[in-house]
């Protein structure tokens, strides 16, 4: 298992609930949910497998990050995708360290520290899903 991705078996909707609870256990709430399959059907008339983007936010980390550099807001929230595949559901978590290393953000010690903290939390969330 990649530390920020996990392949699960089970009901898609139940897995989204499990992902939400795993995120909550690490201080993240889900602010947004975009169901791409529904958007593609509504806007394009195209059928697509079930695929959701969850916008996860840890308010304390987000506040500290945006205070350190307002441009961080362009990279928030931390996205998590939940994709229904044949015989499994793929869950992927964004890598905050990779994201926050873009441009001059990666030069700021406070931003690097927060990104490492966020990555640790998301990695633990992913691992908790794999172990249940």
Protein backbone atom coordinates (compact mmCIF):
# COMPACT_ATOMS: atom_id res chain seq x y z
CA UNK A 1 0.00 0.00 0.00
CA UNK A 2 1.21 3.48 -0.88
CA UNK A 3 1.08 5.47 2.35
CA UNK A 4 -1.52 7.83 0.86
CA UNK A 5 -3.65 5.34 -1.06
CA UNK A 6 -5.59 2.28 -0.09
CA UNK A 7 -7.66 -0.24 -2.01
CA UNK A 8 -10.70 -1.53 -0.12
CA UNK A 9 -13.50 -3.97 -0.69
CA UNK A 10 -17.03 -3.24 0.35
CA UNK A 11 -19.95 -0.93 -0.27
CA UNK A 12 -18.94 2.41 -1.85
CA UNK A 13 -21.20 4.54 0.39
CA UNK A 14 -20.06 2.74 3.52
CA UNK A 15 -16.44 3.28 2.51
CA UNK A 16 -17.08 7.02 2.13
CA UNK A 17 -18.44 6.95 5.70
CA UNK A 18 -15.34 5.07 6.87
CA UNK A 19 -13.08 7.59 5.13
CA UNK A 20 -14.96 10.47 6.75
CA UNK A 21 -14.57 8.88 10.21
CA UNK A 22 -10.86 8.17 9.61
CA UNK A 23 -10.36 11.81 8.65
CA UNK A 24 -12.29 12.97 11.74
CA UNK A 25 -10.05 10.87 13.96
CA UNK A 26 -7.12 12.96 12.66
CA UNK A 27 -8.85 16.32 13.12
CA UNK A 28 -10.19 16.75 9.58
CA UNK A 29 -13.76 17.48 8.61
CA UNK A 30 -15.19 17.03 5.13
CA UNK A 31 -16.19 20.50 3.91
CA UNK A 32 -17.15 19.50 0.38
CA UNK A 33 -18.15 16.45 -1.58
CA UNK A 34 -18.14 16.49 -5.35
CA UNK A 35 -19.66 13.44 -7.03
CA UNK A 36 -17.96 13.55 -10.42
CA UNK A 37 -20.12 10.75 -11.80
CA UNK A 38 -23.27 12.80 -11.13
CA UNK A 39 -21.70 16.01 -12.46
CA UNK A 40 -20.59 14.26 -15.66
CA UNK A 41 -24.08 12.79 -16.11
CA UNK A 42 -25.84 16.12 -15.43
CA UNK A 43 -23.49 18.38 -17.40
CA UNK A 44 -22.24 16.12 -20.18
CA UNK A 45 -24.76 13.30 -20.40
CA UNK A 46 -21.85 10.89 -19.84
CA UNK A 47 -21.96 7.81 -17.63
CA UNK A 48 -18.95 7.45 -15.34
CA UNK A 49 -18.06 5.13 -12.48
CA UNK A 50 -18.83 6.39 -8.97
CA UNK A 51 -16.09 8.85 -8.09
CA UNK A 52 -16.18 11.39 -5.27
CA UNK A 53 -13.77 14.12 -4.30
CA UNK A 54 -13.90 14.90 -0.59
CA UNK A 55 -12.51 18.28 0.47
CA UNK A 56 -11.00 17.62 3.89
CA UNK A 57 -9.91 20.39 6.24
CA UNK A 58 -8.22 20.48 9.60
CA UNK A 59 -9.22 23.99 10.76
CA UNK A 60 -6.26 24.45 13.10
CA UNK A 61 -3.72 23.46 10.45
CA UNK A 62 -5.49 25.50 7.77
CA UNK A 63 -5.60 28.62 9.96
CA UNK A 64 -1.92 28.35 10.83
CA UNK A 65 -0.96 27.70 7.20
CA UNK A 66 -2.98 30.59 5.75
CA UNK A 67 -1.62 32.86 8.47
CA UNK A 68 1.93 31.85 7.50
CA UNK A 69 1.23 32.51 3.82
CA UNK A 70 -2.16 33.47 2.35
CA UNK A 71 -1.28 31.72 -0.94
CA UNK A 72 -1.66 28.39 0.84
CA UNK A 73 -5.40 28.90 0.48
CA UNK A 74 -5.06 28.08 -3.21
CA UNK A 75 -4.11 24.54 -2.20
CA UNK A 76 -6.84 23.95 0.35
CA UNK A 77 -8.71 21.84 1.24
CA UNK A 78 -6.81 18.56 1.22
CA UNK A 79 -8.56 16.39 -1.35
CA UNK A 80 -9.35 12.73 -0.93
CA UNK A 81 -10.78 10.74 -3.81
CA UNK A 82 -13.01 7.69 -3.50
CA UNK A 83 -13.33 5.75 -6.75
CA UNK A 84 -15.45 2.67 -7.39
CA UNK A 85 -13.48 0.13 -9.37
CA UNK A 86 -14.30 -3.43 -10.40
CA UNK A 87 -14.32 -5.47 -7.17
CA UNK A 88 -12.74 -2.70 -5.04
CA UNK A 89 -12.90 0.95 -4.03
CA UNK A 90 -9.73 3.01 -4.42
CA UNK A 91 -9.14 5.78 -1.87
CA UNK A 92 -6.41 8.33 -2.49
CA UNK A 93 -5.24 11.13 -0.20
CA UNK A 94 -3.40 14.19 -1.49
CA UNK A 95 0.24 14.53 -0.40
CA UNK A 96 0.38 17.88 1.44
CA UNK A 97 4.19 17.92 1.41
CA UNK A 98 4.30 17.64 -2.37
CA UNK A 99 1.54 20.22 -2.73
CA UNK A 100 3.07 22.75 -0.37
CA UNK A 101 6.50 22.47 -1.95
CA UNK A 102 5.30 24.35 -5.03
CA UNK A 103 6.95 27.68 -5.75
CA UNK A 104 8.06 29.80 -2.84
CA UNK A 105 5.80 28.00 -0.37
CA UNK A 106 8.36 25.23 -0.07
CA UNK A 107 10.91 27.75 1.18
CA UNK A 108 8.89 28.65 4.29
CA UNK A 109 9.77 26.57 7.33
CA UNK A 110 6.33 27.02 8.94
CA UNK A 111 4.56 25.80 5.79
CA UNK A 112 6.91 22.81 5.46
CA UNK A 113 6.28 21.87 9.09
CA UNK A 114 2.50 22.09 8.69
CA UNK A 115 2.60 20.07 5.47
CA UNK A 116 4.59 17.33 7.22
CA UNK A 117 2.05 17.29 10.07
CA UNK A 118 -0.87 17.10 7.63
CA UNK A 119 0.82 14.30 5.69
CA UNK A 120 1.39 12.32 8.90
CA UNK A 121 -2.26 12.69 9.83
CA UNK A 122 -3.51 11.68 6.37
CA UNK A 123 -1.11 8.74 6.30
CA UNK A 124 -2.48 7.53 9.63
CA UNK A 125 -6.04 7.92 8.30
CA UNK A 126 -5.15 5.83 5.24
CA UNK A 127 -3.46 3.16 7.35
CA UNK A 128 -6.45 2.98 9.68
CA UNK A 129 -8.69 2.22 6.71
CA UNK A 130 -6.38 -0.54 5.54
CA UNK A 131 -6.42 -2.16 8.97
CA UNK A 132 -10.19 -2.27 9.42
